[in-house]
N, C-alpha and C. Protein backbone atom coordinates (compact mmCIF):
# COMPACT_ATOMS: atom_id res chain seq x y z
N MET A 1 0.84 -1.16 0.00
CA MET A 1 0.00 0.00 0.00
C MET A 1 0.89 1.23 0.00
N ILE A 2 0.55 2.21 -0.79
CA ILE A 2 1.24 3.49 -0.79
C ILE A 2 0.30 4.53 -0.21
N SER A 3 0.76 5.23 0.82
CA SER A 3 -0.07 6.23 1.47
C SER A 3 0.50 7.62 1.24
N PRO A 4 -0.26 8.51 0.62
CA PRO A 4 0.23 9.86 0.37
C PRO A 4 0.07 10.80 1.56
N GLY A 5 -0.62 10.36 2.62
CA GLY A 5 -0.88 11.29 3.71
C GLY A 5 -0.72 10.73 5.10
N ALA A 6 -0.31 9.48 5.24
CA ALA A 6 -0.15 8.89 6.58
C ALA A 6 1.15 9.39 7.19
N THR A 7 1.04 10.20 8.24
CA THR A 7 2.23 10.79 8.86
C THR A 7 2.49 10.27 10.27
N ASN A 8 1.60 9.46 10.80
CA ASN A 8 1.74 8.93 12.15
C ASN A 8 2.79 7.82 12.15
N PRO A 9 3.84 7.93 12.98
CA PRO A 9 4.89 6.91 13.02
C PRO A 9 4.37 5.52 13.40
N GLU A 10 3.26 5.44 14.13
CA GLU A 10 2.73 4.15 14.57
C GLU A 10 2.33 3.24 13.42
N LEU A 11 2.04 3.80 12.27
CA LEU A 11 1.64 2.97 11.12
C LEU A 11 2.71 1.95 10.77
N THR A 12 3.95 2.37 10.68
CA THR A 12 5.01 1.42 10.33
C THR A 12 5.57 0.70 11.55
N GLN A 13 5.34 1.22 12.74
CA GLN A 13 5.80 0.53 13.95
C GLN A 13 4.97 -0.72 14.23
N ARG A 14 3.84 -0.85 13.59
CA ARG A 14 2.98 -2.02 13.79
C ARG A 14 3.51 -3.26 13.07
N GLY A 15 4.53 -3.10 12.25
CA GLY A 15 5.15 -4.24 11.60
C GLY A 15 4.57 -4.63 10.25
N TYR A 16 3.71 -3.79 9.69
CA TYR A 16 3.19 -4.08 8.36
C TYR A 16 4.36 -4.11 7.37
N GLN A 17 4.38 -5.09 6.50
CA GLN A 17 5.53 -5.28 5.61
C GLN A 17 5.43 -4.50 4.30
N HIS A 18 4.24 -4.09 3.91
CA HIS A 18 4.08 -3.51 2.59
C HIS A 18 3.43 -2.12 2.63
N ILE A 19 3.89 -1.28 3.54
CA ILE A 19 3.39 0.09 3.66
C ILE A 19 4.50 1.03 3.20
N MET A 20 4.19 1.91 2.29
CA MET A 20 5.14 2.92 1.84
C MET A 20 4.49 4.29 1.94
N ARG A 21 5.27 5.27 2.31
CA ARG A 21 4.75 6.63 2.50
C ARG A 21 5.34 7.57 1.46
N THR A 22 4.59 8.60 1.16
CA THR A 22 5.11 9.67 0.32
C THR A 22 5.16 10.98 1.09
N ALA A 23 4.84 10.94 2.39
CA ALA A 23 4.88 12.13 3.25
C ALA A 23 5.78 11.84 4.44
N GLY A 24 6.39 12.89 4.97
CA GLY A 24 7.25 12.74 6.14
C GLY A 24 6.45 12.44 7.40
N LEU A 25 7.12 11.87 8.38
CA LEU A 25 6.49 11.54 9.65
C LEU A 25 6.26 12.79 10.50
N ASP A 26 5.23 12.75 11.33
CA ASP A 26 4.98 13.84 12.28
C ASP A 26 6.22 14.08 13.14
N SER A 27 6.88 13.00 13.53
CA SER A 27 8.05 13.11 14.41
C SER A 27 9.24 13.78 13.74
N SER A 28 9.22 13.90 12.42
CA SER A 28 10.25 14.64 11.68
C SER A 28 9.77 16.04 11.33
N GLN A 29 8.52 16.15 10.92
CA GLN A 29 7.98 17.45 10.50
C GLN A 29 7.85 18.42 11.67
N GLY A 30 7.43 17.93 12.83
CA GLY A 30 7.18 18.80 13.98
C GLY A 30 8.41 19.55 14.45
N PRO A 31 9.51 18.86 14.75
CA PRO A 31 10.72 19.57 15.18
C PRO A 31 11.27 20.52 14.11
N THR A 32 11.14 20.14 12.84
CA THR A 32 11.59 21.01 11.76
C THR A 32 10.76 22.28 11.71
N ALA A 33 9.44 22.14 11.84
CA ALA A 33 8.56 23.31 11.85
C ALA A 33 8.84 24.18 13.06
N ALA A 34 9.03 23.56 14.23
CA ALA A 34 9.31 24.32 15.45
C ALA A 34 10.61 25.11 15.31
N LYS A 35 11.63 24.48 14.76
CA LYS A 35 12.92 25.16 14.56
C LYS A 35 12.76 26.35 13.63
N TYR A 36 12.05 26.16 12.52
CA TYR A 36 11.82 27.25 11.58
C TYR A 36 11.07 28.40 12.25
N ILE A 37 10.03 28.07 12.99
CA ILE A 37 9.23 29.10 13.66
C ILE A 37 10.10 29.90 14.63
N LEU A 38 10.87 29.20 15.46
CA LEU A 38 11.67 29.86 16.48
C LEU A 38 12.85 30.64 15.91
N GLU A 39 13.53 30.07 14.92
CA GLU A 39 14.76 30.70 14.41
C GLU A 39 14.53 31.68 13.27
N THR A 40 13.50 31.48 12.47
CA THR A 40 13.27 32.34 11.31
C THR A 40 12.18 33.36 11.57
N VAL A 41 11.05 32.91 12.06
CA VAL A 41 9.92 33.81 12.32
C VAL A 41 10.17 34.62 13.59
N LYS A 42 10.77 34.00 14.60
CA LYS A 42 11.10 34.63 15.88
C LYS A 42 9.90 35.34 16.52
N PRO A 43 8.82 34.61 16.74
CA PRO A 43 7.62 35.24 17.31
C PRO A 43 7.79 35.52 18.81
N GLN A 44 7.01 36.46 19.30
CA GLN A 44 7.01 36.72 20.74
C GLN A 44 6.17 35.68 21.46
N ARG A 45 5.10 35.23 20.81
CA ARG A 45 4.22 34.20 21.37
C ARG A 45 3.84 33.23 20.26
N ILE A 46 3.52 32.02 20.65
CA ILE A 46 3.12 31.00 19.68
C ILE A 46 1.83 30.34 20.16
N ALA A 47 0.89 30.15 19.25
CA ALA A 47 -0.33 29.40 19.54
C ALA A 47 -0.43 28.26 18.54
N ILE A 48 -0.65 27.07 19.03
CA ILE A 48 -0.83 25.91 18.16
C ILE A 48 -2.31 25.56 18.17
N ILE A 49 -2.93 25.64 17.02
CA ILE A 49 -4.37 25.41 16.90
C ILE A 49 -4.59 24.20 15.99
N HIS A 50 -5.39 23.26 16.45
CA HIS A 50 -5.77 22.12 15.61
C HIS A 50 -7.17 21.69 16.00
N ASP A 51 -7.78 20.89 15.16
CA ASP A 51 -9.19 20.52 15.37
C ASP A 51 -9.38 19.24 16.20
N LYS A 52 -8.32 18.76 16.82
CA LYS A 52 -8.34 17.57 17.67
C LYS A 52 -8.76 16.30 16.93
N GLN A 53 -8.59 16.30 15.63
CA GLN A 53 -8.79 15.08 14.85
C GLN A 53 -7.46 14.34 14.83
N GLN A 54 -7.50 13.04 14.62
CA GLN A 54 -6.28 12.24 14.63
C GLN A 54 -5.25 12.73 13.62
N TYR A 55 -5.71 13.20 12.47
CA TYR A 55 -4.77 13.60 11.42
C TYR A 55 -3.86 14.73 11.88
N GLY A 56 -4.39 15.73 12.56
CA GLY A 56 -3.59 16.89 12.96
C GLY A 56 -3.02 16.82 14.36
N GLU A 57 -3.56 15.96 15.19
CA GLU A 57 -3.15 15.92 16.59
C GLU A 57 -1.68 15.55 16.77
N GLY A 58 -1.21 14.55 16.04
CA GLY A 58 0.18 14.13 16.17
C GLY A 58 1.15 15.20 15.73
N LEU A 59 0.84 15.87 14.64
CA LEU A 59 1.72 16.94 14.16
C LEU A 59 1.71 18.11 15.12
N ALA A 60 0.54 18.49 15.62
CA ALA A 60 0.45 19.59 16.58
C ALA A 60 1.28 19.28 17.83
N ARG A 61 1.18 18.06 18.33
CA ARG A 61 1.94 17.65 19.51
C ARG A 61 3.44 17.66 19.21
N SER A 62 3.81 17.22 18.02
CA SER A 62 5.21 17.17 17.64
C SER A 62 5.81 18.57 17.51
N VAL A 63 5.05 19.52 16.99
CA VAL A 63 5.52 20.91 16.90
C VAL A 63 5.67 21.47 18.31
N GLN A 64 4.70 21.21 19.17
CA GLN A 64 4.75 21.72 20.54
C GLN A 64 5.97 21.16 21.28
N ASP A 65 6.25 19.88 21.10
CA ASP A 65 7.40 19.26 21.77
C ASP A 65 8.72 19.69 21.14
N GLY A 66 8.65 20.08 19.84
CA GLY A 66 9.72 20.50 18.98
C GLY A 66 11.02 20.72 19.57
């Protein structure tokens, strides 16, 4: 199976043998986004907003932990 949007690391940690992704993992995208925000944008305050759906929750958490 090829997934264009599965970003949750748990998908491949389950041991499925035939899963391929075309998108980066939340655990990679989050710290990269956090670094960009902090070093390039240099905001005084940051708010992370998401709709609490599974698709965005992992990435939001990963950016926050960044």
